C-alpha atoms as a PDB file:
ATOM      1  CA  UNK A   1     -34.043  41.017   0.776  1.00  0.00           C
ATOM      2  CA  UNK A   2     -31.584  38.165   1.262  1.00  0.00           C
ATOM      3  CA  UNK A   3     -34.149  35.928   2.919  1.00  0.00           C
ATOM      4  CA  UNK A   4     -36.698  36.672   0.180  1.00  0.00           C
ATOM      5  CA  UNK A   5     -34.258  35.482  -2.476  1.00  0.00           C
ATOM      6  CA  UNK A   6     -33.637  32.256  -0.598  1.00  0.00           C
ATOM      7  CA  UNK A   7     -37.383  31.767  -0.237  1.00  0.00           C
ATOM      8  CA  UNK A   8     -37.818  32.420  -3.951  1.00  0.00           C
ATOM      9  CA  UNK A   9     -35.309  29.687  -4.740  1.00  0.00           C
ATOM     10  CA  UNK A  10     -37.121  27.280  -2.430  1.00  0.00           C
ATOM     11  CA  UNK A  11     -40.479  28.159  -3.992  1.00  0.00           C
ATOM     12  CA  UNK A  12     -39.025  27.512  -7.457  1.00  0.00           C
ATOM     13  CA  UNK A  13     -37.773  24.143  -6.257  1.00  0.00           C
ATOM     14  CA  UNK A  14     -41.298  23.259  -5.187  1.00  0.00           C
ATOM     15  CA  UNK A  15     -42.907  24.365  -8.454  1.00  0.00           C
ATOM     16  CA  UNK A  16     -40.211  22.821 -10.671  1.00  0.00           C
ATOM     17  CA  UNK A  17     -38.926  20.008  -8.457  1.00  0.00           C
ATOM     18  CA  UNK A  18     -36.822  18.102 -10.976  1.00  0.00           C
ATOM     19  CA  UNK A  19     -34.628  20.769 -12.579  1.00  0.00           C
ATOM     20  CA  UNK A  20     -34.544  23.403  -9.834  1.00  0.00           C
ATOM     21  CA  UNK A  21     -33.872  20.969  -7.023  1.00  0.00           C
ATOM     22  CA  UNK A  22     -31.128  19.361  -9.079  1.00  0.00           C
ATOM     23  CA  UNK A  23     -29.533  22.759  -9.641  1.00  0.00           C
ATOM     24  CA  UNK A  24     -29.831  23.635  -5.964  1.00  0.00           C
ATOM     25  CA  UNK A  25     -28.230  20.389  -4.800  1.00  0.00           C
ATOM     26  CA  UNK A  26     -25.460  20.871  -7.369  1.00  0.00           C
ATOM     27  CA  UNK A  27     -24.881  24.400  -6.084  1.00  0.00           C
ATOM     28  CA  UNK A  28     -24.403  23.283  -2.482  1.00  0.00           C
ATOM     29  CA  UNK A  29     -22.522  20.120  -3.574  1.00  0.00           C
ATOM     30  CA  UNK A  30     -24.882  17.740  -1.812  1.00  0.00           C
ATOM     31  CA  UNK A  31     -22.404  14.866  -2.064  1.00  0.00           C
ATOM     32  CA  UNK A  32     -19.856  16.800  -0.019  1.00  0.00           C
ATOM     33  CA  UNK A  33     -22.540  17.854   2.464  1.00  0.00           C
ATOM     34  CA  UNK A  34     -23.660  14.246   2.945  1.00  0.00           C
ATOM     35  CA  UNK A  35     -20.154  12.799   3.287  1.00  0.00           C
ATOM     36  CA  UNK A  36     -19.194  15.437   5.835  1.00  0.00           C
ATOM     37  CA  UNK A  37     -22.418  14.783   7.722  1.00  0.00           C
ATOM     38  CA  UNK A  38     -21.182  11.215   8.263  1.00  0.00           C
ATOM     39  CA  UNK A  39     -17.897  12.378   9.786  1.00  0.00           C
ATOM     40  CA  UNK A  40     -19.658  15.026  11.889  1.00  0.00           C
ATOM     41  CA  UNK A  41     -22.057  12.424  13.246  1.00  0.00           C
ATOM     42  CA  UNK A  42     -19.184  10.062  14.016  1.00  0.00           C
ATOM     43  CA  UNK A  43     -17.514  12.793  16.063  1.00  0.00           C
ATOM     44  CA  UNK A  44     -20.768  13.398  17.932  1.00  0.00           C
ATOM     45  CA  UNK A  45     -21.403   9.714  18.500  1.00  0.00           C
ATOM     46  CA  UNK A  46     -17.933   8.867  19.763  1.00  0.00           C
ATOM     47  CA  UNK A  47     -17.943  11.870  22.089  1.00  0.00           C
ATOM     48  CA  UNK A  48     -21.209  10.628  23.619  1.00  0.00           C
ATOM     49  CA  UNK A  49     -20.006   7.042  23.891  1.00  0.00           C
ATOM     50  CA  UNK A  50     -16.548   7.800  25.297  1.00  0.00           C
ATOM     51  CA  UNK A  51     -17.744  10.404  27.805  1.00  0.00           C
ATOM     52  CA  UNK A  52     -20.607   8.204  29.029  1.00  0.00           C
ATOM     53  CA  UNK A  53     -23.280  10.724  28.087  1.00  0.00           C
ATOM     54  CA  UNK A  54     -26.730   9.591  26.961  1.00  0.00           C
ATOM     55  CA  UNK A  55     -27.257  10.050  23.222  1.00  0.00           C
ATOM     56  CA  UNK A  56     -31.069   9.928  23.199  1.00  0.00           C
ATOM     57  CA  UNK A  57     -31.312  12.445  26.035  1.00  0.00           C
ATOM     58  CA  UNK A  58     -29.238  14.942  24.057  1.00  0.00           C
ATOM     59  CA  UNK A  59     -30.983  14.844  20.694  1.00  0.00           C
ATOM     60  CA  UNK A  60     -31.185  18.647  20.685  1.00  0.00           C
ATOM     61  CA  UNK A  61     -27.379  18.772  20.547  1.00  0.00           C
ATOM     62  CA  UNK A  62     -27.324  16.195  17.757  1.00  0.00           C
ATOM     63  CA  UNK A  63     -29.957  17.935  15.623  1.00  0.00           C
ATOM     64  CA  UNK A  64     -28.604  21.471  16.008  1.00  0.00           C
ATOM     65  CA  UNK A  65     -24.994  20.405  15.433  1.00  0.00           C
ATOM     66  CA  UNK A  66     -25.792  18.278  12.406  1.00  0.00           C
ATOM     67  CA  UNK A  67     -27.968  20.981  10.864  1.00  0.00           C
ATOM     68  CA  UNK A  68     -25.492  23.752  11.672  1.00  0.00           C
ATOM     69  CA  UNK A  69     -22.506  21.903  10.257  1.00  0.00           C
ATOM     70  CA  UNK A  70     -24.441  20.920   7.117  1.00  0.00           C
ATOM     71  CA  UNK A  71     -25.490  24.524   6.560  1.00  0.00           C
ATOM     72  CA  UNK A  72     -21.978  25.951   6.799  1.00  0.00           C
ATOM     73  CA  UNK A  73     -20.666  23.275   4.441  1.00  0.00           C
ATOM     74  CA  UNK A  74     -23.483  23.868   1.955  1.00  0.00           C
ATOM     75  CA  UNK A  75     -22.991  27.629   2.177  1.00  0.00           C
ATOM     76  CA  UNK A  76     -19.215  27.372   1.762  1.00  0.00           C
ATOM     77  CA  UNK A  77     -19.671  25.093  -1.263  1.00  0.00           C
ATOM     78  CA  UNK A  78     -22.074  27.585  -2.837  1.00  0.00           C
ATOM     79  CA  UNK A  79     -19.515  30.369  -2.345  1.00  0.00           C
ATOM     80  CA  UNK A  80     -16.843  28.121  -3.842  1.00  0.00           C
ATOM     81  CA  UNK A  81     -19.028  27.651  -6.937  1.00  0.00           C
ATOM     82  CA  UNK A  82     -19.435  31.424  -7.189  1.00  0.00           C
ATOM     83  CA  UNK A  83     -15.671  31.974  -6.966  1.00  0.00           C
ATOM     84  CA  UNK A  84     -14.917  29.254  -9.544  1.00  0.00           C
ATOM     85  CA  UNK A  85     -17.535  30.259 -12.105  1.00  0.00           C
ATOM     86  CA  UNK A  86     -14.811  31.543 -14.467  1.00  0.00           C
ATOM     87  CA  UNK A  87     -12.842  28.255 -14.568  1.00  0.00           C
ATOM     88  CA  UNK A  88     -15.665  25.726 -14.202  1.00  0.00           C
ATOM     89  CA  UNK A  89     -16.770  26.037 -17.875  1.00  0.00           C
ATOM     90  CA  UNK A  90     -13.492  24.505 -19.117  1.00  0.00           C
ATOM     91  CA  UNK A  91     -13.676  21.428 -16.877  1.00  0.00           C
ATOM     92  CA  UNK A  92     -15.877  18.508 -17.884  1.00  0.00           C
ATOM     93  CA  UNK A  93     -17.002  17.610 -14.363  1.00  0.00           C
ATOM     94  CA  UNK A  94     -17.925  21.206 -13.456  1.00  0.00           C
ATOM     95  CA  UNK A  95     -19.250  22.745 -16.667  1.00  0.00           C
ATOM     96  CA  UNK A  96     -22.820  21.751 -15.801  1.00  0.00           C
ATOM     97  CA  UNK A  97     -22.918  23.593 -12.496  1.00  0.00           C
ATOM     98  CA  UNK A  98     -25.796  26.094 -12.212  1.00  0.00           C
ATOM     99  CA  UNK A  99     -23.296  28.936 -11.742  1.00  0.00           C
ATOM    100  CA  UNK A 100     -21.932  28.088 -15.202  1.00  0.00           C
ATOM    101  CA  UNK A 101     -25.220  27.453 -16.979  1.00  0.00           C
ATOM    102  CA  UNK A 102     -26.816  30.529 -15.432  1.00  0.00           C
ATOM    103  CA  UNK A 103     -29.652  28.525 -13.906  1.00  0.00           C
ATOM    104  CA  UNK A 104     -28.941  30.279 -10.601  1.00  0.00           C
ATOM    105  CA  UNK A 105     -27.763  33.900 -10.771  1.00  0.00           C
ATOM    106  CA  UNK A 106     -24.590  35.064  -9.062  1.00  0.00           C
ATOM    107  CA  UNK A 107     -26.515  37.303  -6.662  1.00  0.00           C
ATOM    108  CA  UNK A 108     -28.708  34.406  -5.553  1.00  0.00           C
ATOM    109  CA  UNK A 109     -25.647  32.218  -5.054  1.00  0.00           C
ATOM    110  CA  UNK A 110     -24.083  34.816  -2.776  1.00  0.00           C
ATOM    111  CA  UNK A 111     -27.280  35.247  -0.792  1.00  0.00           C
ATOM    112  CA  UNK A 112     -27.737  31.496  -0.381  1.00  0.00           C
ATOM    113  CA  UNK A 113     -24.069  30.975   0.496  1.00  0.00           C
ATOM    114  CA  UNK A 114     -23.784  33.710   3.116  1.00  0.00           C
ATOM    115  CA  UNK A 115     -27.229  33.010   4.574  1.00  0.00           C
ATOM    116  CA  UNK A 116     -26.467  29.327   5.073  1.00  0.00           C
ATOM    117  CA  UNK A 117     -23.041  30.057   6.558  1.00  0.00           C
ATOM    118  CA  UNK A 118     -24.350  32.673   8.995  1.00  0.00           C
ATOM    119  CA  UNK A 119     -27.306  30.567  10.176  1.00  0.00           C
ATOM    120  CA  UNK A 120     -25.101  27.495  10.449  1.00  0.00           C
ATOM    121  CA  UNK A 121     -22.455  29.306  12.495  1.00  0.00           C
ATOM    122  CA  UNK A 122     -25.087  30.738  14.807  1.00  0.00           C
ATOM    123  CA  UNK A 123     -26.358  27.215  15.461  1.00  0.00           C
ATOM    124  CA  UNK A 124     -22.833  25.958  16.183  1.00  0.00           C
ATOM    125  CA  UNK A 125     -22.152  28.835  18.578  1.00  0.00           C
ATOM    126  CA  UNK A 126     -25.391  27.850  20.361  1.00  0.00           C
ATOM    127  CA  UNK A 127     -23.584  24.646  21.344  1.00  0.00           C
ATOM    128  CA  UNK A 128     -20.463  26.333  22.713  1.00  0.00           C
ATOM    129  CA  UNK A 129     -17.745  28.763  21.671  1.00  0.00           C
ATOM    130  CA  UNK A 130     -15.311  25.999  20.699  1.00  0.00           C
ATOM    131  CA  UNK A 131     -17.752  24.445  18.245  1.00  0.00           C
ATOM    132  CA  UNK A 132     -18.498  27.809  16.673  1.00  0.00           C
ATOM    133  CA  UNK A 133     -14.828  28.755  16.325  1.00  0.00           C
ATOM    134  CA  UNK A 134     -14.029  25.445  14.629  1.00  0.00           C
ATOM    135  CA  UNK A 135     -16.877  26.135  12.223  1.00  0.00           C
ATOM    136  CA  UNK A 136     -15.456  29.583  11.447  1.00  0.00           C
ATOM    137  CA  UNK A 137     -12.011  28.060  10.818  1.00  0.00           C
ATOM    138  CA  UNK A 138     -13.518  25.492   8.460  1.00  0.00           C
ATOM    139  CA  UNK A 139     -15.408  28.087   6.408  1.00  0.00           C
ATOM    140  CA  UNK A 140     -12.494  30.541   6.324  1.00  0.00           C
ATOM    141  CA  UNK A 141     -10.044  27.850   5.247  1.00  0.00           C
ATOM    142  CA  UNK A 142     -12.260  26.550   2.442  1.00  0.00           C
ATOM    143  CA  UNK A 143     -13.598  29.828   1.076  1.00  0.00           C
ATOM    144  CA  UNK A 144     -10.662  32.198   1.621  1.00  0.00           C
ATOM    145  CA  UNK A 145      -7.443  30.216   2.049  1.00  0.00           C
ATOM    146  CA  UNK A 146      -8.351  27.535  -0.499  1.00  0.00           C
ATOM    147  CA  UNK A 147     -10.922  28.842  -3.008  1.00  0.00           C
ATOM    148  CA  UNK A 148      -9.871  32.502  -3.178  1.00  0.00           C
ATOM    149  CA  UNK A 149      -6.115  32.180  -2.595  1.00  0.00           C
ATOM    150  CA  UNK A 150      -4.143  28.941  -2.843  1.00  0.00           C
ATOM    151  CA  UNK A 151      -6.190  26.958  -5.397  1.00  0.00           C
ATOM    152  CA  UNK A 152      -4.954  28.980  -8.364  1.00  0.00           C
ATOM    153  CA  UNK A 153      -1.471  29.796  -7.103  1.00  0.00           C
ATOM    154  CA  UNK A 154       0.152  26.922  -5.235  1.00  0.00           C
ATOM    155  CA  UNK A 155       0.615  23.186  -5.692  1.00  0.00           C
ATOM    156  CA  UNK A 156      -0.001  22.898  -1.937  1.00  0.00           C
ATOM    157  CA  UNK A 157      -3.631  23.949  -2.455  1.00  0.00           C
ATOM    158  CA  UNK A 158      -4.836  20.394  -1.782  1.00  0.00           C
ATOM    159  CA  UNK A 159      -3.126  20.288   1.612  1.00  0.00           C
ATOM    160  CA  UNK A 160      -4.493  23.706   2.592  1.00  0.00           C
ATOM    161  CA  UNK A 161      -7.984  22.657   1.540  1.00  0.00           C
ATOM    162  CA  UNK A 162      -7.669  19.469   3.573  1.00  0.00           C
ATOM    163  CA  UNK A 163      -7.895  21.489   6.789  1.00  0.00           C
ATOM    164  CA  UNK A 164     -11.516  22.421   6.076  1.00  0.00           C
ATOM    165  CA  UNK A 165     -12.366  18.840   5.152  1.00  0.00           C
ATOM    166  CA  UNK A 166     -10.955  17.607   8.456  1.00  0.00           C
ATOM    167  CA  UNK A 167     -12.903  19.843  10.835  1.00  0.00           C
ATOM    168  CA  UNK A 168     -16.406  18.227  10.656  1.00  0.00           C
ATOM    169  CA  UNK A 169     -15.619  15.417  13.162  1.00  0.00           C
ATOM    170  CA  UNK A 170     -14.065  18.046  15.457  1.00  0.00           C
ATOM    171  CA  UNK A 171     -17.268  20.085  15.217  1.00  0.00           C
ATOM    172  CA  UNK A 172     -19.293  17.027  16.181  1.00  0.00           C
ATOM    173  CA  UNK A 173     -17.038  16.157  19.099  1.00  0.00           C
ATOM    174  CA  UNK A 174     -16.748  19.731  20.392  1.00  0.00           C
ATOM    175  CA  UNK A 175     -20.527  20.071  20.571  1.00  0.00           C
ATOM    176  CA  UNK A 176     -20.507  17.314  23.195  1.00  0.00           C
ATOM    177  CA  UNK A 177     -17.059  17.764  24.745  1.00  0.00           C
ATOM    178  CA  UNK A 178     -15.310  21.089  23.956  1.00  0.00           C
ATOM    179  CA  UNK A 179     -12.090  19.939  25.665  1.00  0.00           C
ATOM    180  CA  UNK A 180     -11.248  17.969  22.495  1.00  0.00           C
ATOM    181  CA  UNK A 181      -9.213  15.055  23.893  1.00  0.00           C
ATOM    182  CA  UNK A 182      -6.614  13.162  21.784  1.00  0.00           C
ATOM    183  CA  UNK A 183      -9.263  10.860  20.281  1.00  0.00           C
ATOM    184  CA  UNK A 184     -11.028  13.845  18.720  1.00  0.00           C
ATOM    185  CA  UNK A 185      -7.769  14.935  17.122  1.00  0.00           C
ATOM    186  CA  UNK A 186      -7.199  11.449  15.751  1.00  0.00           C
ATOM    187  CA  UNK A 187     -10.447  11.850  13.797  1.00  0.00           C
ATOM    188  CA  UNK A 188      -9.136  15.173  12.507  1.00  0.00           C
ATOM    189  CA  UNK A 189      -5.819  13.647  11.458  1.00  0.00           C
ATOM    190  CA  UNK A 190      -7.523  10.734   9.693  1.00  0.00           C
ATOM    191  CA  UNK A 191      -9.552  13.146   7.594  1.00  0.00           C
ATOM    192  CA  UNK A 192      -6.632  15.506   7.009  1.00  0.00           C
ATOM    193  CA  UNK A 193      -4.243  12.751   5.891  1.00  0.00           C
ATOM    194  CA  UNK A 194      -6.899  10.927   3.847  1.00  0.00           C
ATOM    195  CA  UNK A 195      -7.644  13.861   1.573  1.00  0.00           C
ATOM    196  CA  UNK A 196      -4.336  14.405  -0.316  1.00  0.00           C
ATOM    197  CA  UNK A 197      -4.093  10.829  -1.693  1.00  0.00           C
ATOM    198  CA  UNK A 198      -7.819  10.909  -2.462  1.00  0.00           C
ATOM    199  CA  UNK A 199      -7.684  14.196  -4.373  1.00  0.00           C
ATOM    200  CA  UNK A 200      -4.299  13.540  -5.968  1.00  0.00           C
ATOM    201  CA  UNK A 201      -5.788  10.380  -7.492  1.00  0.00           C
ATOM    202  CA  UNK A 202      -8.747  12.428  -8.739  1.00  0.00           C
ATOM    203  CA  UNK A 203      -6.381  15.061 -10.116  1.00  0.00           C
ATOM    204  CA  UNK A 204      -4.474  12.387 -12.058  1.00  0.00           C
ATOM    205  CA  UNK A 205      -7.723  11.305 -13.692  1.00  0.00           C
ATOM    206  CA  UNK A 206      -8.614  14.917 -14.530  1.00  0.00           C
ATOM    207  CA  UNK A 207      -5.109  16.212 -15.161  1.00  0.00           C
ATOM    208  CA  UNK A 208      -5.829  17.695 -18.598  1.00  0.00           C
ATOM    209  CA  UNK A 209      -8.887  19.533 -17.303  1.00  0.00           C
ATOM    210  CA  UNK A 210      -6.898  21.070 -14.455  1.00  0.00           C
ATOM    211  CA  UNK A 211      -4.100  21.989 -16.889  1.00  0.00           C
ATOM    212  CA  UNK A 212      -6.584  23.727 -19.204  1.00  0.00           C
ATOM    213  CA  UNK A 213      -8.128  25.585 -16.264  1.00  0.00           C
ATOM    214  CA  UNK A 214      -4.695  26.673 -15.053  1.00  0.00           C
ATOM    215  CA  UNK A 215      -5.051  25.007 -11.647  1.00  0.00           C
ATOM    216  CA  UNK A 216      -1.600  23.989 -10.309  1.00  0.00           C
ATOM    217  CA  UNK A 217      -2.573  20.550  -9.051  1.00  0.00           C
ATOM    218  CA  UNK A 218       0.324  18.248  -8.205  1.00  0.00           C
ATOM    219  CA  UNK A 219       0.041  16.031 -11.336  1.00  0.00           C
ATOM    220  CA  UNK A 220      -0.048  19.146 -13.522  1.00  0.00           C
ATOM    221  CA  UNK A 221       3.018  20.767 -11.963  1.00  0.00           C
ATOM    222  CA  UNK A 222       5.150  17.782 -10.937  1.00  0.00           C
ATOM    223  CA  UNK A 223       3.883  14.951 -13.140  1.00  0.00           C
ATOM    224  CA  UNK A 224       2.516  11.489 -12.367  1.00  0.00           C
ATOM    225  CA  UNK A 225       5.721   9.979 -10.954  1.00  0.00           C
ATOM    226  CA  UNK A 226       6.022  12.593  -8.207  1.00  0.00           C
ATOM    227  CA  UNK A 227       2.271  12.430  -7.534  1.00  0.00           C
ATOM    228  CA  UNK A 228       2.486   8.674  -6.988  1.00  0.00           C
ATOM    229  CA  UNK A 229       5.282   9.208  -4.484  1.00  0.00           C
ATOM    230  CA  UNK A 230       3.251  11.789  -2.579  1.00  0.00           C
ATOM    231  CA  UNK A 231       0.188   9.541  -2.534  1.00  0.00           C
ATOM    232  CA  UNK A 232       2.134   6.656  -1.028  1.00  0.00           C
ATOM    233  CA  UNK A 233       3.828   8.973   1.503  1.00  0.00           C
ATOM    234  CA  UNK A 234       0.493  10.298   2.759  1.00  0.00           C
ATOM    235  CA  UNK A 235      -0.921   6.781   3.101  1.00  0.00           C
ATOM    236  CA  UNK A 236       2.133   5.784   5.172  1.00  0.00           C
ATOM    237  CA  UNK A 237       1.242   8.586   7.594  1.00  0.00           C
ATOM    238  CA  UNK A 238      -2.037   6.795   8.341  1.00  0.00           C
ATOM    239  CA  UNK A 239      -0.292   3.628   9.571  1.00  0.00           C
ATOM    240  CA  UNK A 240       0.356   4.677  13.206  1.00  0.00           C
ATOM    241  CA  UNK A 241      -3.001   6.361  13.801  1.00  0.00           C
ATOM    242  CA  UNK A 242      -5.070   3.284  14.836  1.00  0.00           C
ATOM    243  CA  UNK A 243      -2.631   2.643  17.701  1.00  0.00           C
ATOM    244  CA  UNK A 244      -3.618   5.997  19.202  1.00  0.00           C
ATOM    245  CA  UNK A 245      -7.293   4.972  19.152  1.00  0.00           C
ATOM    246  CA  UNK A 246      -7.127   2.051  21.567  1.00  0.00           C
ATOM    247  CA  UNK A 247     -10.353   3.137  23.287  1.00  0.00           C
ATOM    248  CA  UNK A 248     -12.221   1.742  20.264  1.00  0.00           C
ATOM    249  CA  UNK A 249     -10.759  -1.691  20.956  1.00  0.00           C
ATOM    250  CA  UNK A 250      -8.500  -4.185  19.245  1.00  0.00           C
ATOM    251  CA  UNK A 251     -10.983  -5.022  16.430  1.00  0.00           C
ATOM    252  CA  UNK A 252     -10.844  -1.402  15.252  1.00  0.00           C
ATOM    253  CA  UNK A 253      -7.056  -1.290  15.397  1.00  0.00           C
ATOM    254  CA  UNK A 254      -6.919  -4.442  13.277  1.00  0.00           C
ATOM    255  CA  UNK A 255      -9.537  -3.189  10.813  1.00  0.00           C
ATOM    256  CA  UNK A 256      -7.922   0.193  10.231  1.00  0.00           C
ATOM    257  CA  UNK A 257      -4.483  -1.400   9.931  1.00  0.00           C
ATOM    258  CA  UNK A 258      -5.787  -3.838   7.307  1.00  0.00           C
ATOM    259  CA  UNK A 259      -7.450  -0.989   5.398  1.00  0.00           C
ATOM    260  CA  UNK A 260      -4.252   1.066   5.576  1.00  0.00           C
ATOM    261  CA  UNK A 261      -2.094  -1.806   4.344  1.00  0.00           C
ATOM    262  CA  UNK A 262      -4.567  -2.561   1.561  1.00  0.00           C
ATOM    263  CA  UNK A 263      -4.456   1.038   0.364  1.00  0.00           C
ATOM    264  CA  UNK A 264      -0.661   1.095   0.634  1.00  0.00           C
ATOM    265  CA  UNK A 265      -0.371  -2.142  -1.345  1.00  0.00           C
ATOM    266  CA  UNK A 266      -2.466  -0.778  -4.205  1.00  0.00           C
ATOM    267  CA  UNK A 267      -0.420   2.417  -4.035  1.00  0.00           C
ATOM    268  CA  UNK A 268       2.882   0.576  -4.374  1.00  0.00           C
ATOM    269  CA  UNK A 269       1.454  -1.432  -7.275  1.00  0.00           C
ATOM    270  CA  UNK A 270       1.224   1.845  -9.143  1.00  0.00           C
ATOM    271  CA  UNK A 271       4.950   1.677  -9.785  1.00  0.00           C
ATOM    272  CA  UNK A 272       4.488  -1.532 -11.741  1.00  0.00           C
ATOM    273  CA  UNK A 273       1.397  -0.615 -13.745  1.00  0.00           C
ATOM    274  CA  UNK A 274       1.692   1.064 -17.114  1.00  0.00           C
ATOM    275  CA  UNK A 275      -1.808   2.535 -17.093  1.00  0.00           C
ATOM    276  CA  UNK A 276      -1.554   5.422 -14.606  1.00  0.00           C
ATOM    277  CA  UNK A 277      -5.147   6.541 -15.089  1.00  0.00           C
ATOM    278  CA  UNK A 278      -6.502   3.069 -14.364  1.00  0.00           C
ATOM    279  CA  UNK A 279      -4.360   2.912 -11.226  1.00  0.00           C
ATOM    280  CA  UNK A 280      -5.526   6.377 -10.142  1.00  0.00           C
ATOM    281  CA  UNK A 281      -9.135   5.247 -10.566  1.00  0.00           C
ATOM    282  CA  UNK A 282      -8.505   2.215  -8.355  1.00  0.00           C
ATOM    283  CA  UNK A 283      -6.914   4.443  -5.712  1.00  0.00           C
ATOM    284  CA  UNK A 284      -9.804   6.910  -5.887  1.00  0.00           C
ATOM    285  CA  UNK A 285     -12.461   4.210  -5.510  1.00  0.00           C
ATOM    286  CA  UNK A 286     -10.547   2.546  -2.677  1.00  0.00           C
ATOM    287  CA  UNK A 287     -10.287   5.863  -0.833  1.00  0.00           C
ATOM    288  CA  UNK A 288     -14.071   6.296  -0.929  1.00  0.00           C
ATOM    289  CA  UNK A 289     -14.708   2.780   0.377  1.00  0.00           C
ATOM    290  CA  UNK A 290     -11.944   3.221   2.968  1.00  0.00           C
ATOM    291  CA  UNK A 291     -13.604   6.244   4.523  1.00  0.00           C
ATOM    292  CA  UNK A 292     -17.098   4.748   4.484  1.00  0.00           C
ATOM    293  CA  UNK A 293     -16.008   1.476   6.093  1.00  0.00           C
ATOM    294  CA  UNK A 294     -13.772   3.183   8.653  1.00  0.00           C
ATOM    295  CA  UNK A 295     -16.284   5.686   9.990  1.00  0.00           C
ATOM    296  CA  UNK A 296     -19.119   3.171   9.973  1.00  0.00           C
ATOM    297  CA  UNK A 297     -16.925   0.776  11.953  1.00  0.00           C
ATOM    298  CA  UNK A 298     -16.147   3.478  14.504  1.00  0.00           C
ATOM    299  CA  UNK A 299     -19.841   3.934  15.267  1.00  0.00           C
ATOM    300  CA  UNK A 300     -20.562   0.192  15.435  1.00  0.00           C
ATOM    301  CA  UNK A 301     -17.486  -0.864  17.405  1.00  0.00           C
ATOM    302  CA  UNK A 302     -17.918   1.928  19.965  1.00  0.00           C
ATOM    303  CA  UNK A 303     -21.165   0.270  21.054  1.00  0.00           C
ATOM    304  CA  UNK A 304     -19.884  -3.310  21.220  1.00  0.00           C
END
């Protein structure tokens, strides 16, 4: 029954490609799936490069890991949409989700979510136990600890949710090398530390929406001044990380340090600017470019 519902959704996407496919990609949050695919691939790539294993001779590992990780993320995002369908209507950026508009029924969302998660986890466990367990931790943290529990109760919800966002590079690395050396954990820490300033900046821009929805985001509970302080503090935590990644070479250490200092400089400028929303937008945009440049550089510089 579950598989037939998934197939029905796929068939509808084929017959009505524009609207149905758009609803489907919104349901699984395709942007999050794609961005996490980049960090998963970086973990895979660096593990191959730094353990002297041949990438092209292990394409089965790459394909299964990438597909498995993408499926669990897509499934977890679908379940998150199902859980949030009561608060999404009051937020501008989420009121068009198919779980709000009714374009995809709640039962279909559950079937799609659980099916994707189960298939994805099975694929990750095909790699090794470590990879599968990390996948389970990621899903459990995002769906249960974040979406079902902390998001509506605690101002620390962003930090708790950051755990799930930090596991994709670990999944990629573990598929190649389940011992998870310090370099793999540096990728985890980069992603974990990056998320609070990124999402706090977003929360500042959407503070009234979160307040209306009753979500205790930091700007809602503590105000902008405290949020700015937290953003800067988290960015400071990134400063020592490049010096623990010497295997990527001096150019990477310099690049990440420059990116860190650039982000910190913009952060400190927030204390001088009167327009907090404009500053939060600059911080948000910088965070997106930061992550893209950093992970792309890791792949390129590991080959040079």
